[in-house]
Amino acid sequence: MYITIDGRDGRPIYQQVVDGIKELIARGELQEGSGLPPVRQVAADLGVNLNTIAFAYRQLQKEGLIRIRHGSGAIVISRKVVQKADEQLQAQLRSSLTQFVLAGLARTEISLLVSHELDGLFQERHRV
């Protein structure tokens, strides 16, 4: 499992971990039934507090992506998050797109970035 933490990123560390694991699941690098590394190992590898990683794992469990069994570790149980309302998903997308606009990117640049990211997610997913 390969994720990175960026100290310049405005998101909290636990959210970076959650988003990194979600991306690995979406791309098919972590498939259903795959085990996640122990909390202590991830914390040591990333150089962060183990409570941060434990919180990230609990968040992923709450979203229905993993199951945590104390003593046995965590496994991927789904490739889909617990259903969110379309309005929530659209609000998240609008927020991200707003950040691009506020950063001064043109519509075509934003479209290319979004297209590139989608291509990456779907390309990796279909390779597995």
N, C-alpha and C. Protein backbone atom coordinates (compact mmCIF):
# COMPACT_ATOMS: atom_id res chain seq x y z
N MET A 1 0.86 -1.17 0.00
CA MET A 1 0.00 0.00 0.00
C MET A 1 0.90 1.23 0.00
N TYR A 2 0.66 2.11 -0.95
CA TYR A 2 1.51 3.29 -1.07
C TYR A 2 0.66 4.55 -1.04
N ILE A 3 0.77 5.31 0.04
CA ILE A 3 0.15 6.62 0.15
C ILE A 3 1.19 7.58 0.71
N THR A 4 0.97 8.86 0.45
CA THR A 4 1.91 9.85 0.96
C THR A 4 1.15 10.93 1.71
N ILE A 5 1.88 11.61 2.59
CA ILE A 5 1.35 12.72 3.35
C ILE A 5 2.10 13.97 2.91
N ASP A 6 1.36 15.03 2.65
CA ASP A 6 1.96 16.29 2.22
C ASP A 6 1.69 17.34 3.29
N GLY A 7 2.74 17.80 3.94
CA GLY A 7 2.62 18.79 4.99
C GLY A 7 2.05 20.11 4.51
N ARG A 8 2.14 20.39 3.21
CA ARG A 8 1.61 21.63 2.65
C ARG A 8 0.14 21.52 2.29
N ASP A 9 -0.38 20.31 2.30
CA ASP A 9 -1.78 20.07 1.97
C ASP A 9 -2.64 20.63 3.11
N GLY A 10 -3.70 21.29 2.76
CA GLY A 10 -4.57 21.90 3.77
C GLY A 10 -5.45 20.90 4.51
N ARG A 11 -5.54 19.68 3.97
CA ARG A 11 -6.38 18.67 4.63
C ARG A 11 -5.67 18.10 5.85
N PRO A 12 -6.45 17.72 6.87
CA PRO A 12 -5.82 17.06 8.02
C PRO A 12 -5.16 15.75 7.57
N ILE A 13 -4.18 15.31 8.33
CA ILE A 13 -3.44 14.09 7.98
C ILE A 13 -4.36 12.89 7.84
N TYR A 14 -5.29 12.74 8.80
CA TYR A 14 -6.18 11.57 8.72
C TYR A 14 -6.97 11.59 7.41
N GLN A 15 -7.37 12.79 6.94
CA GLN A 15 -8.14 12.89 5.71
C GLN A 15 -7.28 12.53 4.50
N GLN A 16 -6.01 12.90 4.54
CA GLN A 16 -5.09 12.52 3.46
C GLN A 16 -4.96 11.00 3.40
N VAL A 17 -4.90 10.36 4.57
CA VAL A 17 -4.82 8.90 4.62
C VAL A 17 -6.10 8.28 4.08
N VAL A 18 -7.25 8.78 4.53
CA VAL A 18 -8.54 8.28 4.04
C VAL A 18 -8.62 8.42 2.53
N ASP A 19 -8.30 9.61 2.03
CA ASP A 19 -8.39 9.85 0.58
C ASP A 19 -7.40 8.98 -0.19
N GLY A 20 -6.21 8.77 0.37
CA GLY A 20 -5.22 7.92 -0.29
C GLY A 20 -5.68 6.48 -0.40
N ILE A 21 -6.27 5.97 0.67
CA ILE A 21 -6.76 4.59 0.65
C ILE A 21 -7.97 4.47 -0.28
N LYS A 22 -8.84 5.47 -0.26
CA LYS A 22 -9.99 5.46 -1.18
C LYS A 22 -9.52 5.41 -2.63
N GLU A 23 -8.48 6.18 -2.92
CA GLU A 23 -7.97 6.19 -4.29
C GLU A 23 -7.43 4.81 -4.67
N LEU A 24 -6.72 4.16 -3.76
CA LEU A 24 -6.20 2.82 -4.04
C LEU A 24 -7.33 1.83 -4.27
N ILE A 25 -8.41 1.97 -3.51
CA ILE A 25 -9.57 1.09 -3.69
C ILE A 25 -10.23 1.39 -5.03
N ALA A 26 -10.42 2.67 -5.35
CA ALA A 26 -11.08 3.06 -6.61
C ALA A 26 -10.29 2.58 -7.82
N ARG A 27 -8.95 2.63 -7.73
CA ARG A 27 -8.11 2.20 -8.85
C ARG A 27 -7.95 0.69 -8.93
N GLY A 28 -8.45 -0.02 -7.94
CA GLY A 28 -8.36 -1.47 -7.95
C GLY A 28 -7.07 -2.02 -7.39
N GLU A 29 -6.21 -1.15 -6.85
CA GLU A 29 -4.96 -1.61 -6.24
C GLU A 29 -5.22 -2.30 -4.90
N LEU A 30 -6.28 -1.92 -4.24
CA LEU A 30 -6.76 -2.62 -3.04
C LEU A 30 -8.13 -3.18 -3.39
N GLN A 31 -8.21 -4.47 -3.55
CA GLN A 31 -9.46 -5.10 -3.94
C GLN A 31 -10.20 -5.62 -2.73
N GLU A 32 -11.47 -5.95 -2.94
CA GLU A 32 -12.26 -6.53 -1.86
C GLU A 32 -11.55 -7.78 -1.35
N GLY A 33 -11.45 -7.87 -0.02
CA GLY A 33 -10.76 -8.99 0.60
C GLY A 33 -9.31 -8.70 0.92
N SER A 34 -8.77 -7.62 0.36
CA SER A 34 -7.38 -7.25 0.62
C SER A 34 -7.24 -6.75 2.06
N GLY A 35 -6.16 -7.16 2.69
CA GLY A 35 -5.89 -6.67 4.04
C GLY A 35 -5.12 -5.37 4.01
N LEU A 36 -5.42 -4.49 4.93
CA LEU A 36 -4.66 -3.26 5.07
C LEU A 36 -3.54 -3.50 6.07
N PRO A 37 -2.43 -2.79 5.93
CA PRO A 37 -1.35 -2.95 6.90
C PRO A 37 -1.82 -2.53 8.29
N PRO A 38 -1.19 -3.08 9.33
CA PRO A 38 -1.57 -2.70 10.69
C PRO A 38 -1.38 -1.19 10.92
N VAL A 39 -2.21 -0.65 11.79
CA VAL A 39 -2.17 0.77 12.12
C VAL A 39 -0.76 1.20 12.52
N ARG A 40 -0.11 0.42 13.35
CA ARG A 40 1.24 0.78 13.82
C ARG A 40 2.23 0.87 12.66
N GLN A 41 2.11 -0.05 11.73
CA GLN A 41 3.03 -0.05 10.59
C GLN A 41 2.81 1.19 9.71
N VAL A 42 1.56 1.51 9.42
CA VAL A 42 1.27 2.67 8.58
C VAL A 42 1.74 3.94 9.28
N ALA A 43 1.47 4.03 10.58
CA ALA A 43 1.90 5.21 11.35
C ALA A 43 3.41 5.36 11.30
N ALA A 44 4.13 4.26 11.47
CA ALA A 44 5.59 4.30 11.43
C ALA A 44 6.09 4.65 10.04
N ASP A 45 5.49 4.05 9.01
CA ASP A 45 5.91 4.32 7.63
C ASP A 45 5.71 5.79 7.25
N LEU A 46 4.60 6.37 7.72
CA LEU A 46 4.29 7.75 7.36
C LEU A 46 4.84 8.76 8.36
N GLY A 47 5.31 8.27 9.50
CA GLY A 47 5.85 9.17 10.52
C GLY A 47 4.78 10.00 11.20
N VAL A 48 3.62 9.39 11.44
CA VAL A 48 2.53 10.09 12.11
C VAL A 48 2.06 9.29 13.33
N ASN A 49 1.26 9.93 14.14
CA ASN A 49 0.73 9.29 15.34
C ASN A 49 -0.19 8.14 14.98
N LEU A 50 -0.10 7.04 15.69
CA LEU A 50 -0.93 5.88 15.36
C LEU A 50 -2.40 6.15 15.58
N ASN A 51 -2.75 7.08 16.48
CA ASN A 51 -4.16 7.44 16.66
C ASN A 51 -4.73 8.10 15.41
N THR A 52 -3.90 8.79 14.66
CA THR A 52 -4.32 9.42 13.41
C THR A 52 -4.72 8.35 12.40
N ILE A 53 -3.90 7.32 12.31
CA ILE A 53 -4.19 6.23 11.36
C ILE A 53 -5.40 5.44 11.84
N ALA A 54 -5.50 5.19 13.13
CA ALA A 54 -6.66 4.48 13.67
C ALA A 54 -7.95 5.25 13.36
N PHE A 55 -7.90 6.58 13.49
CA PHE A 55 -9.06 7.41 13.19
C PHE A 55 -9.41 7.30 11.70
N ALA A 56 -8.40 7.33 10.85
CA ALA A 56 -8.63 7.19 9.41
C ALA A 56 -9.28 5.84 9.09
N TYR A 57 -8.79 4.78 9.70
CA TYR A 57 -9.37 3.46 9.48
C TYR A 57 -10.83 3.43 9.94
N ARG A 58 -11.12 4.04 11.10
CA ARG A 58 -12.51 4.07 11.59
C ARG A 58 -13.40 4.86 10.63
N GLN A 59 -12.87 5.92 10.05
CA GLN A 59 -13.63 6.71 9.09
C GLN A 59 -13.96 5.85 7.85
N LEU A 60 -12.99 5.11 7.37
CA LEU A 60 -13.21 4.22 6.22
C LEU A 60 -14.23 3.14 6.55
N GLN A 61 -14.19 2.65 7.79
CA GLN A 61 -15.17 1.65 8.21
C GLN A 61 -16.57 2.27 8.25
N LYS A 62 -16.67 3.49 8.77
CA LYS A 62 -17.95 4.19 8.84
C LYS A 62 -18.54 4.39 7.45
N GLU A 63 -17.67 4.59 6.47
CA GLU A 63 -18.12 4.80 5.09
C GLU A 63 -18.40 3.49 4.36
N GLY A 64 -18.17 2.36 5.04
CA GLY A 64 -18.51 1.06 4.46
C GLY A 64 -17.48 0.48 3.52
N LEU A 65 -16.24 1.00 3.57
CA LEU A 65 -15.21 0.49 2.66
C LEU A 65 -14.37 -0.61 3.27
N ILE A 66 -14.15 -0.56 4.58
CA ILE A 66 -13.34 -1.58 5.24
C ILE A 66 -14.06 -2.10 6.47
N ARG A 67 -13.59 -3.24 6.95
CA ARG A 67 -14.07 -3.80 8.22
C ARG A 67 -12.85 -3.95 9.11
N ILE A 68 -12.98 -3.48 10.33
CA ILE A 68 -11.89 -3.59 11.30
C ILE A 68 -12.26 -4.67 12.30
N ARG A 69 -11.35 -5.62 12.44
CA ARG A 69 -11.51 -6.66 13.47
C ARG A 69 -10.30 -6.57 14.37
N HIS A 70 -10.55 -6.18 15.61
CA HIS A 70 -9.45 -6.02 16.55
C HIS A 70 -8.70 -7.34 16.70
N GLY A 71 -7.40 -7.26 16.52
CA GLY A 71 -6.56 -8.45 16.59
C GLY A 71 -6.32 -9.09 15.24
N SER A 72 -7.23 -8.85 14.28
CA SER A 72 -7.10 -9.44 12.94
C SER A 72 -6.74 -8.42 11.88
N GLY A 73 -6.89 -7.15 12.19
CA GLY A 73 -6.59 -6.11 11.22
C GLY A 73 -7.81 -5.65 10.46
N ALA A 74 -7.57 -4.93 9.39
CA ALA A 74 -8.64 -4.36 8.58
C ALA A 74 -8.58 -4.93 7.17
N ILE A 75 -9.75 -5.17 6.60
CA ILE A 75 -9.83 -5.67 5.23
C ILE A 75 -10.80 -4.81 4.43
N VAL A 76 -10.56 -4.74 3.13
CA VAL A 76 -11.46 -4.03 2.23
C VAL A 76 -12.68 -4.90 2.03
N ILE A 77 -13.86 -4.32 2.27
CA ILE A 77 -15.08 -5.10 2.10
C ILE A 77 -15.95 -4.61 0.95
N SER A 78 -15.64 -3.43 0.44
CA SER A 78 -16.46 -2.88 -0.64
C SER A 78 -15.65 -1.89 -1.46
N ARG A 79 -16.08 -1.73 -2.69
CA ARG A 79 -15.47 -0.71 -3.56
C ARG A 79 -16.38 0.49 -3.68
N LYS A 80 -17.47 0.50 -2.91
CA LYS A 80 -18.41 1.62 -2.95
C LYS A 80 -18.68 2.11 -1.54
N VAL A 81 -18.68 3.43 -1.38
CA VAL A 81 -18.99 4.00 -0.08
C VAL A 81 -20.48 3.86 0.19
N VAL A 82 -20.82 3.91 1.46
CA VAL A 82 -22.23 3.91 1.82
C VAL A 82 -22.88 5.06 1.06
N GLN A 83 -24.00 4.78 0.45
CA GLN A 83 -24.64 5.74 -0.44
C GLN A 83 -24.81 7.12 0.20
N LYS A 84 -24.26 8.10 -0.47
CA LYS A 84 -24.46 9.50 -0.08
C LYS A 84 -25.52 10.07 -1.00
N ALA A 85 -26.23 11.04 -0.50
CA ALA A 85 -27.22 11.71 -1.34
C ALA A 85 -26.52 12.40 -2.50
N ASP A 86 -27.18 12.41 -3.65
CA ASP A 86 -26.62 13.06 -4.83
C ASP A 86 -26.25 14.51 -4.53
N GLU A 87 -27.05 15.16 -3.69
CA GLU A 87 -26.79 16.55 -3.35
C GLU A 87 -25.45 16.69 -2.62
N GLN A 88 -25.12 15.74 -1.75
CA GLN A 88 -23.85 15.77 -1.03
C GLN A 88 -22.68 15.59 -1.99
N LEU A 89 -22.79 14.65 -2.88
CA LEU A 89 -21.73 14.42 -3.85
C LEU A 89 -21.55 15.63 -4.76
N GLN A 90 -22.65 16.21 -5.17
CA GLN A 90 -22.57 17.38 -6.04
C GLN A 90 -21.96 18.56 -5.29
N ALA A 91 -22.26 18.70 -4.00
CA ALA A 91 -21.67 19.79 -3.21
C ALA A 91 -20.17 19.61 -3.07
N GLN A 92 -19.71 18.37 -2.90
CA GLN A 92 -18.27 18.10 -2.82
C GLN A 92 -17.59 18.45 -4.15
N LEU A 93 -18.21 18.06 -5.24
CA LEU A 93 -17.66 18.36 -6.56
C LEU A 93 -17.62 19.88 -6.79
N ARG A 94 -18.69 20.55 -6.46
CA ARG A 94 -18.75 22.00 -6.63
C ARG A 94 -17.67 22.69 -5.82
N SER A 95 -17.44 22.22 -4.60
CA SER A 95 -16.40 22.79 -3.74
C SER A 95 -15.02 22.63 -4.37
N SER A 96 -14.73 21.46 -4.90
CA SER A 96 -13.44 21.22 -5.55
C SER A 96 -13.28 22.08 -6.80
N LEU A 97 -14.32 22.14 -7.60
CA LEU A 97 -14.25 22.95 -8.82
C LEU A 97 -14.09 24.43 -8.48
N THR A 98 -14.75 24.87 -7.42
CA THR A 98 -14.62 26.26 -6.98
C THR A 98 -13.18 26.57 -6.62
N GLN A 99 -12.49 25.64 -5.99
CA GLN A 99 -11.09 25.85 -5.63
C GLN A 99 -10.23 26.03 -6.88
N PHE A 100 -10.51 25.27 -7.92
CA PHE A 100 -9.78 25.42 -9.18
C PHE A 100 -10.01 26.80 -9.78
N VAL A 101 -11.27 27.23 -9.79
CA VAL A 101 -11.60 28.54 -10.35
C VAL A 101 -10.91 29.64 -9.54
N LEU A 102 -10.96 29.54 -8.21
CA LEU A 102 -10.32 30.55 -7.35
C LEU A 102 -8.80 30.54 -7.51
N ALA A 103 -8.24 29.41 -7.92
CA ALA A 103 -6.79 29.34 -8.15
C ALA A 103 -6.41 29.97 -9.49
N GLY A 104 -7.41 30.39 -10.25
CA GLY A 104 -7.13 31.09 -11.50
C GLY A 104 -7.05 30.19 -12.72
N LEU A 105 -7.45 28.94 -12.60
CA LEU A 105 -7.39 28.05 -13.75
C LEU A 105 -8.55 28.33 -14.71
N ALA A 106 -8.28 28.22 -15.99
CA ALA A 106 -9.32 28.40 -17.01
C ALA A 106 -10.17 27.14 -17.09
N ARG A 107 -11.35 27.30 -17.66
CA ARG A 107 -12.28 26.19 -17.80
C ARG A 107 -11.64 24.99 -18.51
N THR A 108 -10.89 25.26 -19.59
CA THR A 108 -10.26 24.16 -20.33
C THR A 108 -9.20 23.46 -19.48
N GLU A 109 -8.46 24.22 -18.68
CA GLU A 109 -7.46 23.60 -17.80
C GLU A 109 -8.13 22.70 -16.76
N ILE A 110 -9.23 23.19 -16.21
CA ILE A 110 -9.96 22.40 -15.22
C ILE A 110 -10.50 21.13 -15.86
N SER A 111 -11.06 21.27 -17.05
CA SER A 111 -11.60 20.10 -17.76
C SER A 111 -10.51 19.07 -18.03
N LEU A 112 -9.33 19.54 -18.44
CA LEU A 112 -8.22 18.62 -18.69
C LEU A 112 -7.77 17.92 -17.41
N LEU A 113 -7.69 18.67 -16.31
CA LEU A 113 -7.30 18.06 -15.03
C LEU A 113 -8.29 17.00 -14.59
N VAL A 114 -9.57 17.33 -14.67
CA VAL A 114 -10.61 16.38 -14.26
C VAL A 114 -10.57 15.15 -15.16
N SER A 115 -10.45 15.37 -16.45
CA SER A 115 -10.39 14.25 -17.39
C SER A 115 -9.18 13.36 -17.12
N HIS A 116 -8.03 13.97 -16.86
CA HIS A 116 -6.81 13.23 -16.57
C HIS A 116 -6.98 12.36 -15.31
N GLU A 117 -7.55 12.94 -14.28
CA GLU A 117 -7.75 12.19 -13.03
C GLU A 117 -8.72 11.03 -13.23
N LEU A 118 -9.80 11.28 -13.96
CA LEU A 118 -10.76 10.20 -14.24
C LEU A 118 -10.11 9.09 -15.07
N ASP A 119 -9.34 9.48 -16.07
CA ASP A 119 -8.64 8.49 -16.88
C ASP A 119 -7.74 7.63 -16.01
N GLY A 120 -7.01 8.26 -15.09
CA GLY A 120 -6.12 7.52 -14.21
C GLY A 120 -6.87 6.55 -13.31
N LEU A 121 -7.99 6.99 -12.77
CA LEU A 121 -8.78 6.11 -11.90
C LEU A 121 -9.34 4.93 -12.66
N PHE A 122 -9.93 5.18 -13.81
CA PHE A 122 -10.56 4.11 -14.56
C PHE A 122 -9.56 3.22 -15.27
N GLN A 123 -8.43 3.75 -15.71
CA GLN A 123 -7.41 2.95 -16.37
C GLN A 123 -6.85 1.92 -15.40
N GLU A 124 -6.47 2.34 -14.21
CA GLU A 124 -5.92 1.43 -13.21
C GLU A 124 -6.96 0.39 -12.80
N ARG A 125 -8.19 0.82 -12.67
CA ARG A 125 -9.25 -0.07 -12.21
C ARG A 125 -9.50 -1.19 -13.19
N HIS A 126 -9.42 -0.90 -14.47
CA HIS A 126 -9.71 -1.91 -15.48
C HIS A 126 -8.51 -2.80 -15.80
N ARG A 127 -7.34 -2.42 -15.32
CA ARG A 127 -6.15 -3.25 -15.52
C ARG A 127 -6.17 -4.48 -14.65
N VAL A 128 -6.78 -4.37 -13.48
CA VAL A 128 -6.73 -5.44 -12.47
C VAL A 128 -7.56 -6.62 -12.88
